[in-house]
C-alpha atoms as a PDB file:
ATOM      1  CA  UNK A   1     -50.863-212.674  18.903  1.00  0.00           C
ATOM      2  CA  UNK A   2     -50.920-215.717  21.126  1.00  0.00           C
ATOM      3  CA  UNK A   3     -51.702-215.327  24.798  1.00  0.00           C
ATOM      4  CA  UNK A   4     -48.938-215.836  27.320  1.00  0.00           C
ATOM      5  CA  UNK A   5     -49.094-219.073  29.295  1.00  0.00           C
ATOM      6  CA  UNK A   6     -50.333-217.125  32.329  1.00  0.00           C
ATOM      7  CA  UNK A   7     -53.072-215.397  30.332  1.00  0.00           C
ATOM      8  CA  UNK A   8     -54.140-218.700  28.769  1.00  0.00           C
ATOM      9  CA  UNK A   9     -54.282-220.367  32.197  1.00  0.00           C
ATOM     10  CA  UNK A  10     -56.497-217.567  33.547  1.00  0.00           C
ATOM     11  CA  UNK A  11     -58.733-217.730  30.475  1.00  0.00           C
ATOM     12  CA  UNK A  12     -59.227-221.505  30.764  1.00  0.00           C
ATOM     13  CA  UNK A  13     -59.994-221.409  34.482  1.00  0.00           C
ATOM     14  CA  UNK A  14     -62.373-218.474  33.983  1.00  0.00           C
ATOM     15  CA  UNK A  15     -64.272-220.394  31.294  1.00  0.00           C
ATOM     16  CA  UNK A  16     -64.522-223.468  33.519  1.00  0.00           C
ATOM     17  CA  UNK A  17     -65.469-221.364  36.551  1.00  0.00           C
ATOM     18  CA  UNK A  18     -68.826-220.567  34.952  1.00  0.00           C
ATOM     19  CA  UNK A  19     -70.055-224.033  35.919  1.00  0.00           C
ATOM     20  CA  UNK A  20     -67.773-225.069  38.760  1.00  0.00           C
ATOM     21  CA  UNK A  21     -66.122-223.815  41.922  1.00  0.00           C
ATOM     22  CA  UNK A  22     -62.523-222.597  41.564  1.00  0.00           C
ATOM     23  CA  UNK A  23     -60.911-225.928  42.536  1.00  0.00           C
ATOM     24  CA  UNK A  24     -63.073-227.891  40.093  1.00  0.00           C
ATOM     25  CA  UNK A  25     -62.533-225.251  37.401  1.00  0.00           C
ATOM     26  CA  UNK A  26     -58.762-225.649  37.769  1.00  0.00           C
ATOM     27  CA  UNK A  27     -59.058-229.436  37.545  1.00  0.00           C
ATOM     28  CA  UNK A  28     -61.185-229.179  34.396  1.00  0.00           C
ATOM     29  CA  UNK A  29     -58.719-226.724  32.850  1.00  0.00           C
ATOM     30  CA  UNK A  30     -55.858-229.138  33.584  1.00  0.00           C
ATOM     31  CA  UNK A  31     -57.784-231.962  31.931  1.00  0.00           C
ATOM     32  CA  UNK A  32     -58.384-229.790  28.864  1.00  0.00           C
ATOM     33  CA  UNK A  33     -54.679-228.941  28.577  1.00  0.00           C
ATOM     34  CA  UNK A  34     -53.683-232.595  29.046  1.00  0.00           C
ATOM     35  CA  UNK A  35     -56.085-233.497  26.246  1.00  0.00           C
ATOM     36  CA  UNK A  36     -54.508-230.857  23.994  1.00  0.00           C
ATOM     37  CA  UNK A  37     -51.011-232.180  24.766  1.00  0.00           C
ATOM     38  CA  UNK A  38     -52.089-235.740  23.976  1.00  0.00           C
ATOM     39  CA  UNK A  39     -53.392-234.590  20.602  1.00  0.00           C
ATOM     40  CA  UNK A  40     -50.383-232.642  19.401  1.00  0.00           C
ATOM     41  CA  UNK A  41     -49.336-234.001  16.027  1.00  0.00           C
ATOM     42  CA  UNK A  42     -45.570-233.892  16.050  1.00  0.00           C
ATOM     43  CA  UNK A  43     -42.561-235.951  15.101  1.00  0.00           C
ATOM     44  CA  UNK A  44     -39.535-236.919  17.184  1.00  0.00           C
ATOM     45  CA  UNK A  45     -37.262-234.644  15.154  1.00  0.00           C
ATOM     46  CA  UNK A  46     -39.369-231.670  16.282  1.00  0.00           C
ATOM     47  CA  UNK A  47     -38.385-232.085  19.912  1.00  0.00           C
ATOM     48  CA  UNK A  48     -38.692-229.895  21.835  1.00  0.00           C
ATOM     49  CA  UNK A  49     -42.083-229.139  20.359  1.00  0.00           C
ATOM     50  CA  UNK A  50     -42.944-225.470  20.899  1.00  0.00           C
ATOM     51  CA  UNK A  51     -46.660-226.184  21.388  1.00  0.00           C
ATOM     52  CA  UNK A  52     -45.902-228.838  23.996  1.00  0.00           C
ATOM     53  CA  UNK A  53     -43.582-226.500  25.875  1.00  0.00           C
ATOM     54  CA  UNK A  54     -46.223-223.744  25.820  1.00  0.00           C
ATOM     55  CA  UNK A  55     -48.919-226.082  27.141  1.00  0.00           C
ATOM     56  CA  UNK A  56     -46.591-227.339  29.894  1.00  0.00           C
ATOM     57  CA  UNK A  57     -46.162-223.698  30.957  1.00  0.00           C
ATOM     58  CA  UNK A  58     -49.964-223.273  30.928  1.00  0.00           C
ATOM     59  CA  UNK A  59     -50.223-226.264  33.309  1.00  0.00           C
ATOM     60  CA  UNK A  60     -47.714-224.627  35.666  1.00  0.00           C
ATOM     61  CA  UNK A  61     -49.650-221.365  35.576  1.00  0.00           C
ATOM     62  CA  UNK A  62     -52.964-223.099  36.269  1.00  0.00           C
ATOM     63  CA  UNK A  63     -51.381-224.775  39.295  1.00  0.00           C
ATOM     64  CA  UNK A  64     -50.122-221.364  40.475  1.00  0.00           C
ATOM     65  CA  UNK A  65     -53.596-219.795  40.401  1.00  0.00           C
END
C-alpha cells in the first residue's frame, strides 16, 4: 500500500531532518521530490500522470508542515 501524500511528506522531511534543521530538511525534501518529478518516464497521452499528481500533492504537504 502506498503512503498518502501527507505521510510521504512527513517521511521525507523526517529522513532529511536527521542531518538538517526543519527548514533545511523541508528544502531538501522538496528538491528530492522535484528530482523525482523530473525523472518520471511518461508520454503525453498519459496526462494527467498519476505519479506526477501524487508527487505534486507531496510538495503541497511538505509546504504545509
